[in-house]
Amino acid sequence: MKNIIMPITTVSTLLFLSLTSGAGLAEGNVCKGMEHSACSKSTTCRWIKPYKRTDGLKVTGYCRKLPERKTQASQEQGKGSASKKS
């Protein structure tokens, strides 16, 4: 009986970890691959216009995730550490 339970436990644990670790990756790529119209309507994304780099390479327009805003708690924590340095 013990010989059967151990592989089942291992497989179920690996399955759980693979499913939960993929959730974070999906959240990070919300804007990737969006078309201009969909990106413009999104509140979490912004459209980057096409441009030419200094080395001459042309970059096509793309959708980019906006940076996350700091929470009130992290802003207050940052102020506290800045005052300690002075």
N, C-alpha and C. Protein backbone atom coordinates (compact mmCIF):
# COMPACT_ATOMS: atom_id res chain seq x y z
N MET A 1 0.83 -1.20 0.00
CA MET A 1 0.00 0.00 0.00
C MET A 1 0.87 1.26 0.00
N LYS A 2 1.93 1.24 0.81
CA LYS A 2 2.82 2.39 0.90
C LYS A 2 3.53 2.64 -0.44
N ASN A 3 3.79 1.56 -1.18
CA ASN A 3 4.47 1.68 -2.48
C ASN A 3 3.58 2.38 -3.51
N ILE A 4 2.28 2.35 -3.35
CA ILE A 4 1.36 2.99 -4.28
C ILE A 4 1.11 4.45 -3.91
N ILE A 5 1.04 4.73 -2.64
CA ILE A 5 0.71 6.09 -2.16
C ILE A 5 1.84 7.08 -2.48
N MET A 6 3.08 6.66 -2.34
CA MET A 6 4.21 7.56 -2.55
C MET A 6 4.25 8.12 -3.97
N PRO A 7 4.17 7.30 -5.03
CA PRO A 7 4.16 7.89 -6.39
C PRO A 7 2.96 8.77 -6.66
N ILE A 8 1.81 8.42 -6.14
CA ILE A 8 0.61 9.23 -6.34
C ILE A 8 0.79 10.59 -5.68
N THR A 9 1.33 10.61 -4.48
CA THR A 9 1.58 11.86 -3.77
C THR A 9 2.58 12.73 -4.54
N THR A 10 3.62 12.11 -5.04
CA THR A 10 4.64 12.85 -5.78
C THR A 10 4.07 13.45 -7.06
N VAL A 11 3.32 12.67 -7.80
CA VAL A 11 2.73 13.15 -9.05
C VAL A 11 1.73 14.27 -8.78
N SER A 12 0.90 14.11 -7.77
CA SER A 12 -0.09 15.15 -7.48
C SER A 12 0.59 16.44 -7.01
N THR A 13 1.66 16.34 -6.26
CA THR A 13 2.40 17.52 -5.82
C THR A 13 3.02 18.24 -7.01
N LEU A 14 3.64 17.48 -7.91
CA LEU A 14 4.24 18.09 -9.10
C LEU A 14 3.20 18.75 -9.98
N LEU A 15 2.06 18.11 -10.13
CA LEU A 15 0.97 18.69 -10.92
C LEU A 15 0.49 20.00 -10.31
N PHE A 16 0.30 20.01 -9.01
CA PHE A 16 -0.14 21.22 -8.32
C PHE A 16 0.86 22.35 -8.50
N LEU A 17 2.14 22.05 -8.33
CA LEU A 17 3.17 23.09 -8.47
C LEU A 17 3.25 23.62 -9.90
N SER A 18 3.11 22.77 -10.88
CA SER A 18 3.18 23.24 -12.26
C SER A 18 1.98 24.11 -12.61
N LEU A 19 0.82 23.79 -12.08
CA LEU A 19 -0.37 24.60 -12.37
C LEU A 19 -0.31 25.95 -11.67
N THR A 20 0.15 25.99 -10.45
CA THR A 20 0.19 27.26 -9.72
C THR A 20 1.33 28.15 -10.15
N SER A 21 2.44 27.60 -10.57
CA SER A 21 3.57 28.44 -10.99
C SER A 21 3.30 29.11 -12.33
N GLY A 22 2.48 28.53 -13.18
CA GLY A 22 2.15 29.11 -14.47
C GLY A 22 1.24 30.31 -14.36
N ALA A 23 0.52 30.44 -13.26
CA ALA A 23 -0.42 31.56 -13.10
C ALA A 23 0.32 32.89 -13.07
N GLY A 24 1.45 32.95 -12.41
CA GLY A 24 2.22 34.18 -12.34
C GLY A 24 2.78 34.59 -13.69
N LEU A 25 3.15 33.61 -14.49
CA LEU A 25 3.68 33.91 -15.81
C LEU A 25 2.61 34.49 -16.72
N ALA A 26 1.42 33.95 -16.62
CA ALA A 26 0.33 34.45 -17.46
C ALA A 26 -0.02 35.89 -17.13
N GLU A 27 0.03 36.24 -15.85
CA GLU A 27 -0.30 37.60 -15.45
C GLU A 27 0.72 38.60 -15.99
N GLY A 28 1.96 38.22 -16.07
CA GLY A 28 2.99 39.13 -16.54
C GLY A 28 2.89 39.43 -18.02
N ASN A 29 2.24 38.58 -18.79
CA ASN A 29 2.16 38.74 -20.24
C ASN A 29 0.78 39.19 -20.70
N VAL A 30 0.06 39.91 -19.88
CA VAL A 30 -1.30 40.33 -20.22
C VAL A 30 -1.31 41.15 -21.50
N CYS A 31 -0.38 42.03 -21.68
CA CYS A 31 -0.39 42.95 -22.82
C CYS A 31 0.36 42.42 -24.03
N LYS A 32 1.20 41.42 -23.84
CA LYS A 32 2.03 40.92 -24.93
C LYS A 32 1.19 40.38 -26.07
N GLY A 33 1.47 40.88 -27.26
CA GLY A 33 0.79 40.42 -28.46
C GLY A 33 -0.55 41.08 -28.75
N MET A 34 -0.97 42.03 -27.93
CA MET A 34 -2.23 42.72 -28.17
C MET A 34 -2.13 43.62 -29.40
N GLU A 35 -3.22 43.73 -30.10
CA GLU A 35 -3.31 44.66 -31.22
C GLU A 35 -3.44 46.08 -30.69
N HIS A 36 -3.18 47.06 -31.54
CA HIS A 36 -3.22 48.47 -31.14
C HIS A 36 -4.57 48.87 -30.54
N SER A 37 -5.67 48.47 -31.18
CA SER A 37 -6.99 48.88 -30.70
C SER A 37 -7.30 48.29 -29.32
N ALA A 38 -6.98 47.03 -29.10
CA ALA A 38 -7.24 46.39 -27.80
C ALA A 38 -6.33 46.98 -26.73
N CYS A 39 -5.10 47.24 -27.08
CA CYS A 39 -4.15 47.81 -26.12
C CYS A 39 -4.57 49.21 -25.68
N SER A 40 -5.05 49.99 -26.61
CA SER A 40 -5.47 51.36 -26.31
C SER A 40 -6.67 51.39 -25.37
N LYS A 41 -7.53 50.38 -25.44
CA LYS A 41 -8.70 50.31 -24.58
C LYS A 41 -8.38 49.79 -23.18
N SER A 42 -7.26 49.12 -23.04
CA SER A 42 -6.89 48.51 -21.76
C SER A 42 -6.41 49.58 -20.77
N THR A 43 -6.73 49.38 -19.50
CA THR A 43 -6.28 50.31 -18.46
C THR A 43 -4.95 49.88 -17.86
N THR A 44 -4.50 48.66 -18.19
CA THR A 44 -3.24 48.16 -17.63
C THR A 44 -2.11 48.14 -18.64
N CYS A 45 -2.41 48.56 -19.88
CA CYS A 45 -1.40 48.51 -20.95
C CYS A 45 -1.26 49.86 -21.63
N ARG A 46 -0.18 50.00 -22.40
CA ARG A 46 0.04 51.21 -23.17
C ARG A 46 0.69 50.83 -24.49
N TRP A 47 0.31 51.51 -25.56
CA TRP A 47 0.85 51.23 -26.89
C TRP A 47 2.13 52.03 -27.11
N ILE A 48 3.18 51.34 -27.50
CA ILE A 48 4.45 51.98 -27.82
C ILE A 48 4.50 52.13 -29.34
N LYS A 49 4.66 53.36 -29.80
CA LYS A 49 4.68 53.64 -31.25
C LYS A 49 5.94 53.06 -31.89
N PRO A 50 5.85 52.75 -33.19
CA PRO A 50 7.06 52.27 -33.90
C PRO A 50 8.14 53.34 -33.86
N TYR A 51 9.39 52.90 -33.83
CA TYR A 51 10.50 53.86 -33.80
C TYR A 51 11.73 53.22 -34.45
N LYS A 52 12.73 54.06 -34.68
CA LYS A 52 13.99 53.60 -35.26
C LYS A 52 15.09 53.78 -34.22
N ARG A 53 15.81 52.68 -33.94
CA ARG A 53 16.89 52.75 -32.96
C ARG A 53 18.09 53.46 -33.54
N THR A 54 19.02 53.84 -32.66
CA THR A 54 20.21 54.56 -33.12
C THR A 54 21.09 53.71 -34.02
N ASP A 55 20.98 52.38 -33.91
CA ASP A 55 21.77 51.51 -34.78
C ASP A 55 21.07 51.25 -36.12
N GLY A 56 19.92 51.92 -36.34
CA GLY A 56 19.21 51.83 -37.60
C GLY A 56 18.11 50.79 -37.65
N LEU A 57 17.99 49.95 -36.65
CA LEU A 57 16.97 48.91 -36.64
C LEU A 57 15.60 49.52 -36.41
N LYS A 58 14.61 49.13 -37.25
CA LYS A 58 13.25 49.62 -37.09
C LYS A 58 12.50 48.69 -36.14
N VAL A 59 11.88 49.28 -35.12
CA VAL A 59 11.10 48.53 -34.14
C VAL A 59 9.63 48.81 -34.41
N THR A 60 8.85 47.74 -34.58
CA THR A 60 7.42 47.91 -34.83
C THR A 60 6.71 48.27 -33.53
N GLY A 61 5.54 48.87 -33.62
CA GLY A 61 4.77 49.21 -32.43
C GLY A 61 4.35 47.97 -31.67
N TYR A 62 4.23 48.11 -30.36
CA TYR A 62 3.86 46.98 -29.51
C TYR A 62 3.15 47.45 -28.26
N CYS A 63 2.48 46.52 -27.61
CA CYS A 63 1.75 46.81 -26.39
C CYS A 63 2.62 46.46 -25.19
N ARG A 64 2.64 47.34 -24.20
CA ARG A 64 3.49 47.16 -23.02
C ARG A 64 2.67 47.33 -21.76
N LYS A 65 2.95 46.52 -20.75
CA LYS A 65 2.25 46.61 -19.47
C LYS A 65 2.73 47.85 -18.73
N LEU A 66 1.78 48.60 -18.16
CA LEU A 66 2.13 49.77 -17.37
C LEU A 66 2.77 49.33 -16.07
N PRO A 67 3.70 50.12 -15.53
CA PRO A 67 4.29 49.76 -14.24
C PRO A 67 3.22 49.81 -13.15
N GLU A 68 3.37 48.93 -12.17
CA GLU A 68 2.40 48.89 -11.07
C GLU A 68 2.66 50.06 -10.13
N ARG A 69 1.57 50.64 -9.65
CA ARG A 69 1.69 51.76 -8.71
C ARG A 69 2.06 51.24 -7.34
N LYS A 70 2.82 52.04 -6.62
CA LYS A 70 3.17 51.67 -5.25
C LYS A 70 1.95 51.82 -4.37
N THR A 71 1.82 50.94 -3.41
CA THR A 71 0.72 51.04 -2.46
C THR A 71 1.07 52.07 -1.41
N GLN A 72 0.08 52.52 -0.66
CA GLN A 72 0.29 53.52 0.38
C GLN A 72 1.30 53.01 1.41
N ALA A 73 1.22 51.74 1.77
CA ALA A 73 2.12 51.17 2.78
C ALA A 73 3.57 51.19 2.30
N SER A 74 3.81 50.85 1.04
CA SER A 74 5.18 50.83 0.54
C SER A 74 5.73 52.24 0.40
N GLN A 75 4.88 53.22 0.11
CA GLN A 75 5.33 54.61 0.03
C GLN A 75 5.75 55.11 1.40
N GLU A 76 4.97 54.79 2.42
CA GLU A 76 5.30 55.22 3.78
C GLU A 76 6.56 54.53 4.26
N GLN A 77 6.74 53.28 3.90
CA GLN A 77 7.93 52.53 4.29
C GLN A 77 9.16 53.16 3.64
N GLY A 78 9.03 53.58 2.39
CA GLY A 78 10.14 54.22 1.68
C GLY A 78 10.53 55.54 2.30
N LYS A 79 9.54 56.29 2.79
CA LYS A 79 9.81 57.58 3.44
C LYS A 79 10.56 57.35 4.75
N GLY A 80 10.21 56.30 5.47
CA GLY A 80 10.86 56.00 6.74
C GLY A 80 12.32 55.63 6.57
N SER A 81 12.63 54.86 5.52
CA SER A 81 14.02 54.46 5.30
C SER A 81 14.85 55.64 4.81
N ALA A 82 14.24 56.59 4.09
CA ALA A 82 14.96 57.75 3.60
C ALA A 82 15.34 58.67 4.75
N SER A 83 14.47 58.81 5.75
CA SER A 83 14.76 59.69 6.86
C SER A 83 15.82 59.11 7.77
N LYS A 84 15.96 57.79 7.80
CA LYS A 84 16.97 57.15 8.64
C LYS A 84 18.37 57.38 8.08
N LYS A 85 18.49 57.52 6.75
CA LYS A 85 19.78 57.70 6.11
C LYS A 85 20.34 59.09 6.40
N SER A 86 19.52 60.10 6.65
CA SER A 86 19.99 61.47 6.84
C SER A 86 20.67 61.65 8.16
